[in-house]
Amino acid sequence: MKNSMQKLQSIFSSSFILGGSPCSGKSTVAERLSQDLDMTYYKVDDHIMRHLEKANPQKHPTMAAYGQMSWNEIWSRPVGLQVAEEFSYYTEQFPMILEDLMEFKSINTLIMEGAAFLPSLVHDWCVKPHQVLFMVPTKAFQIDHYSKRPWIDQILKECANPQQAFSNWMERDHLFGLEIIRQAKRFNYPYVIVDGSLSEDALYTKVKNQLSLV
């Protein structure tokens, strides 16, 4: 146990993290950083299904319940409940992420990316402000870019009221982002508001500067 803690502390002390809301450009920036700076890229979304399969109702009640829901059930519930469950879900998932990190034998510097890296959770591992950045889109930017994703329509077709489901979805992610900003401020972590005013290259440069990777 002690060796595991030491290894994880070592990983977090030498890695960089991009957290924040969905649809803020985290994946695009993280993938580019991994290629340009020869970093090992750990993307939480690549492990979603495997993590859900490991979830059990005793240890991971929110994840286990979520894994059994239809899209209609997920997006038709009150938005406030959805937001609370999102934070509960990521809190339950985080130990699984730690297990994944323990599997790395020898690594370059890690760039870790995903909404599950909540400010409150990374703070517990003493991650320094220059090692982490939270990216949060404006609601208008979020809606515009979500609307362009090809798999959105397929999900919404499974909902009884697709328009209301999409509205709930966007409001959930918007409120999630506001809470991420609140937590980031609490722990003195930097964050970036993504509103589309910067080009992809300019946003990438801004993130690199914030993480002192220039």
Protein backbone atom coordinates (compact mmCIF):
# COMPACT_ATOMS: atom_id res chain seq x y z
CA MET A 1 0.00 0.00 0.00
CA LYS A 2 2.80 2.38 0.92
CA ASN A 3 4.65 1.65 -2.33
CA SER A 4 1.45 2.21 -4.31
CA MET A 5 0.89 5.56 -2.66
CA GLN A 6 4.48 6.55 -3.33
CA LYS A 7 4.21 5.58 -6.99
CA LEU A 8 0.97 7.55 -7.43
CA GLN A 9 2.44 10.55 -5.65
CA SER A 10 5.43 10.36 -7.98
CA ILE A 11 3.17 10.20 -11.03
CA PHE A 12 1.09 13.17 -9.93
CA SER A 13 4.15 15.21 -9.01
CA SER A 14 5.61 14.86 -12.51
CA SER A 15 2.48 14.89 -14.69
CA PHE A 16 0.14 17.43 -16.20
CA ILE A 17 -3.65 17.38 -16.06
CA LEU A 18 -6.36 18.87 -18.26
CA GLY A 19 -9.73 18.77 -16.53
CA GLY A 20 -12.96 20.66 -16.90
CA SER A 21 -16.23 20.36 -18.76
CA PRO A 22 -17.04 18.26 -21.82
CA CYS A 23 -16.81 19.98 -25.21
CA SER A 24 -14.11 22.45 -24.15
CA GLY A 25 -11.28 21.16 -26.36
CA LYS A 26 -9.47 19.16 -23.68
CA SER A 27 -8.93 16.09 -25.83
CA THR A 28 -7.71 18.06 -28.84
CA VAL A 29 -5.17 19.96 -26.76
CA ALA A 30 -4.03 16.92 -24.78
CA GLU A 31 -3.49 14.82 -27.90
CA ARG A 32 -1.48 17.59 -29.50
CA LEU A 33 0.64 18.05 -26.37
CA SER A 34 1.35 14.32 -26.27
CA GLN A 35 2.55 14.38 -29.88
CA ASP A 36 4.52 17.62 -29.76
CA LEU A 37 6.20 17.03 -26.40
CA ASP A 38 6.47 13.24 -26.41
CA MET A 39 4.13 12.81 -23.45
CA THR A 40 2.22 9.66 -22.56
CA TYR A 41 -1.48 10.45 -22.98
CA TYR A 42 -4.01 9.03 -20.50
CA LYS A 43 -7.54 9.82 -21.67
CA VAL A 44 -10.28 8.93 -19.19
CA ASP A 45 -12.92 8.57 -21.91
CA ASP A 46 -10.98 5.67 -23.44
CA HIS A 47 -11.70 3.65 -20.29
CA ILE A 48 -15.38 4.47 -19.70
CA MET A 49 -16.85 1.12 -20.73
CA ARG A 50 -14.23 -0.89 -18.86
CA HIS A 51 -14.80 1.17 -15.72
CA LEU A 52 -18.57 0.74 -15.99
CA GLU A 53 -18.13 -3.02 -16.29
CA LYS A 54 -16.13 -3.02 -13.06
CA ALA A 55 -18.72 -0.97 -11.15
CA ASN A 56 -20.78 -2.72 -8.48
CA PRO A 57 -23.77 -1.33 -6.56
CA GLN A 58 -22.01 -1.51 -3.18
CA LYS A 59 -18.86 0.45 -4.01
CA HIS A 60 -20.07 2.37 -7.05
CA PRO A 61 -23.84 2.91 -6.70
CA THR A 62 -24.02 5.86 -9.10
CA MET A 63 -21.87 4.23 -11.75
CA ALA A 64 -23.73 0.92 -11.47
CA ALA A 65 -27.11 2.64 -11.79
CA TYR A 66 -25.91 4.78 -14.68
CA GLY A 67 -24.70 1.72 -16.56
CA GLN A 68 -28.23 0.27 -16.50
CA MET A 69 -30.06 3.42 -17.66
CA SER A 70 -31.33 4.14 -21.16
CA TRP A 71 -30.50 7.47 -22.77
CA ASN A 72 -34.09 8.52 -22.15
CA GLU A 73 -33.75 7.78 -18.44
CA ILE A 74 -30.44 9.61 -18.23
CA TRP A 75 -31.50 12.84 -19.89
CA SER A 76 -35.14 13.05 -18.78
CA ARG A 77 -34.48 13.40 -15.06
CA PRO A 78 -34.28 16.75 -13.20
CA VAL A 79 -31.13 18.65 -14.13
CA GLY A 80 -30.11 19.26 -10.52
CA LEU A 81 -30.11 15.51 -9.90
CA GLN A 82 -28.07 14.94 -13.05
CA VAL A 83 -25.41 17.42 -11.91
CA ALA A 84 -25.13 15.87 -8.44
CA GLU A 85 -24.84 12.41 -9.96
CA GLU A 86 -22.13 13.56 -12.36
CA PHE A 87 -19.90 14.56 -9.46
CA SER A 88 -20.79 11.37 -7.60
CA TYR A 89 -19.97 9.31 -10.71
CA TYR A 90 -16.53 10.85 -11.14
CA THR A 91 -15.76 10.48 -7.45
CA GLU A 92 -16.58 6.76 -7.67
CA GLN A 93 -14.58 6.41 -10.88
CA PHE A 94 -11.46 8.12 -9.59
CA PRO A 95 -10.05 5.09 -7.71
CA MET A 96 -10.33 3.15 -10.98
CA ILE A 97 -8.29 5.86 -12.67
CA LEU A 98 -5.66 5.51 -9.95
CA GLU A 99 -5.56 1.76 -10.61
CA ASP A 100 -4.98 2.49 -14.31
CA LEU A 101 -2.11 4.81 -13.49
CA MET A 102 -0.51 2.14 -11.34
CA GLU A 103 -0.29 -0.09 -14.43
CA PHE A 104 2.21 2.17 -16.16
CA LYS A 105 5.60 0.47 -15.88
CA SER A 106 7.96 3.08 -17.24
CA ILE A 107 6.54 6.28 -18.62
CA ASN A 108 7.42 9.59 -20.11
CA THR A 109 5.79 12.61 -18.58
CA LEU A 110 2.05 11.97 -18.47
CA ILE A 111 -0.63 14.26 -19.83
CA MET A 112 -3.88 13.16 -18.17
CA GLU A 113 -7.20 14.41 -19.50
CA GLY A 114 -10.84 14.08 -18.58
CA ALA A 115 -13.76 15.62 -16.73
CA ALA A 116 -13.20 13.09 -13.93
CA PHE A 117 -10.14 15.04 -12.79
CA LEU A 118 -12.16 17.26 -10.47
CA PRO A 119 -10.27 20.06 -8.69
CA SER A 120 -11.18 18.57 -5.30
CA LEU A 121 -9.82 15.17 -6.31
CA VAL A 122 -6.50 16.29 -7.80
CA HIS A 123 -5.97 18.62 -4.83
CA ASP A 124 -5.96 15.54 -2.59
CA TRP A 125 -2.81 14.44 -4.48
CA CYS A 126 -1.10 17.79 -3.93
CA VAL A 127 -1.08 18.66 -7.63
CA LYS A 128 0.51 22.09 -8.06
CA PRO A 129 -1.27 24.92 -9.91
CA HIS A 130 1.28 24.89 -12.76
CA GLN A 131 0.54 21.21 -13.41
CA VAL A 132 -3.19 21.46 -14.00
CA LEU A 133 -5.65 23.50 -16.02
CA PHE A 134 -9.43 23.32 -16.10
CA MET A 135 -11.13 24.15 -19.39
CA VAL A 136 -14.77 25.24 -19.29
CA PRO A 137 -16.81 26.29 -22.35
CA THR A 138 -19.42 29.00 -22.36
CA LYS A 139 -22.91 27.61 -22.73
CA ALA A 140 -23.26 29.05 -26.24
CA PHE A 141 -19.97 27.48 -27.38
CA GLN A 142 -20.93 24.18 -25.78
CA ILE A 143 -24.34 24.03 -27.49
CA ASP A 144 -22.89 24.98 -30.86
CA HIS A 145 -20.17 22.33 -30.77
CA TYR A 146 -22.28 19.58 -29.26
CA SER A 147 -24.82 20.14 -32.04
CA LYS A 148 -22.15 19.35 -34.62
CA ARG A 149 -21.15 16.00 -33.15
CA PRO A 150 -22.45 13.18 -35.37
CA TRP A 151 -23.42 10.82 -32.54
CA ILE A 152 -25.69 13.33 -30.76
CA ASP A 153 -28.71 12.65 -32.97
CA GLN A 154 -28.51 8.91 -32.40
CA ILE A 155 -28.63 9.42 -28.64
CA LEU A 156 -31.46 11.92 -28.79
CA LYS A 157 -33.54 9.67 -31.05
CA GLU A 158 -33.77 7.26 -28.12
CA CYS A 159 -35.33 9.94 -25.90
CA ALA A 160 -39.09 10.50 -25.60
CA ASN A 161 -38.61 14.26 -25.95
CA PRO A 162 -35.34 14.85 -27.84
CA GLN A 163 -35.52 18.64 -27.61
CA GLN A 164 -36.02 18.59 -23.83
CA ALA A 165 -33.36 15.91 -23.42
CA PHE A 166 -30.82 18.05 -25.29
CA SER A 167 -31.79 21.09 -23.23
CA ASN A 168 -31.33 19.11 -20.00
CA TRP A 169 -28.00 17.78 -21.22
CA MET A 170 -26.66 21.23 -22.06
CA GLU A 171 -27.87 22.70 -18.77
CA ARG A 172 -26.29 19.85 -16.83
CA ASP A 173 -22.91 20.39 -18.44
CA HIS A 174 -23.20 24.16 -18.02
CA LEU A 175 -23.89 23.81 -14.28
CA PHE A 176 -21.12 21.22 -14.00
CA GLY A 177 -18.72 23.76 -15.51
CA LEU A 178 -19.76 26.46 -13.07
CA GLU A 179 -19.04 24.12 -10.17
CA ILE A 180 -15.65 23.23 -11.67
CA ILE A 181 -14.79 26.94 -11.73
CA ARG A 182 -15.94 27.32 -8.12
CA GLN A 183 -13.75 24.40 -7.03
CA ALA A 184 -10.80 25.64 -9.08
CA LYS A 185 -11.00 29.02 -7.35
CA ARG A 186 -11.25 27.34 -3.96
CA PHE A 187 -8.03 25.40 -4.53
CA ASN A 188 -6.24 28.20 -6.42
CA TYR A 189 -6.14 26.23 -9.66
CA PRO A 190 -6.14 27.99 -13.03
CA TYR A 191 -9.01 27.67 -15.46
CA VAL A 192 -9.75 28.85 -18.98
CA ILE A 193 -13.14 29.89 -20.35
CA VAL A 194 -13.47 28.60 -23.92
CA ASP A 195 -15.81 30.81 -25.95
CA GLY A 196 -14.54 30.34 -29.51
CA SER A 197 -12.75 33.69 -29.62
CA LEU A 198 -9.38 31.93 -29.91
CA SER A 199 -8.30 29.79 -32.82
CA GLU A 200 -7.35 26.20 -32.10
CA ASP A 201 -3.67 27.15 -32.36
CA ALA A 202 -4.09 30.14 -30.05
CA LEU A 203 -5.93 28.07 -27.45
CA TYR A 204 -3.22 25.42 -27.65
CA THR A 205 -0.53 28.05 -27.08
CA LYS A 206 -2.47 29.50 -24.16
CA VAL A 207 -2.69 26.08 -22.50
CA LYS A 208 1.01 25.42 -23.07
CA ASN A 209 1.90 28.76 -21.50
CA GLN A 210 -0.34 28.12 -18.51
CA LEU A 211 1.28 24.74 -17.93
CA SER A 212 4.77 26.23 -18.46
CA LEU A 213 5.40 23.85 -21.35
CA VAL A 214 7.02 26.40 -23.64
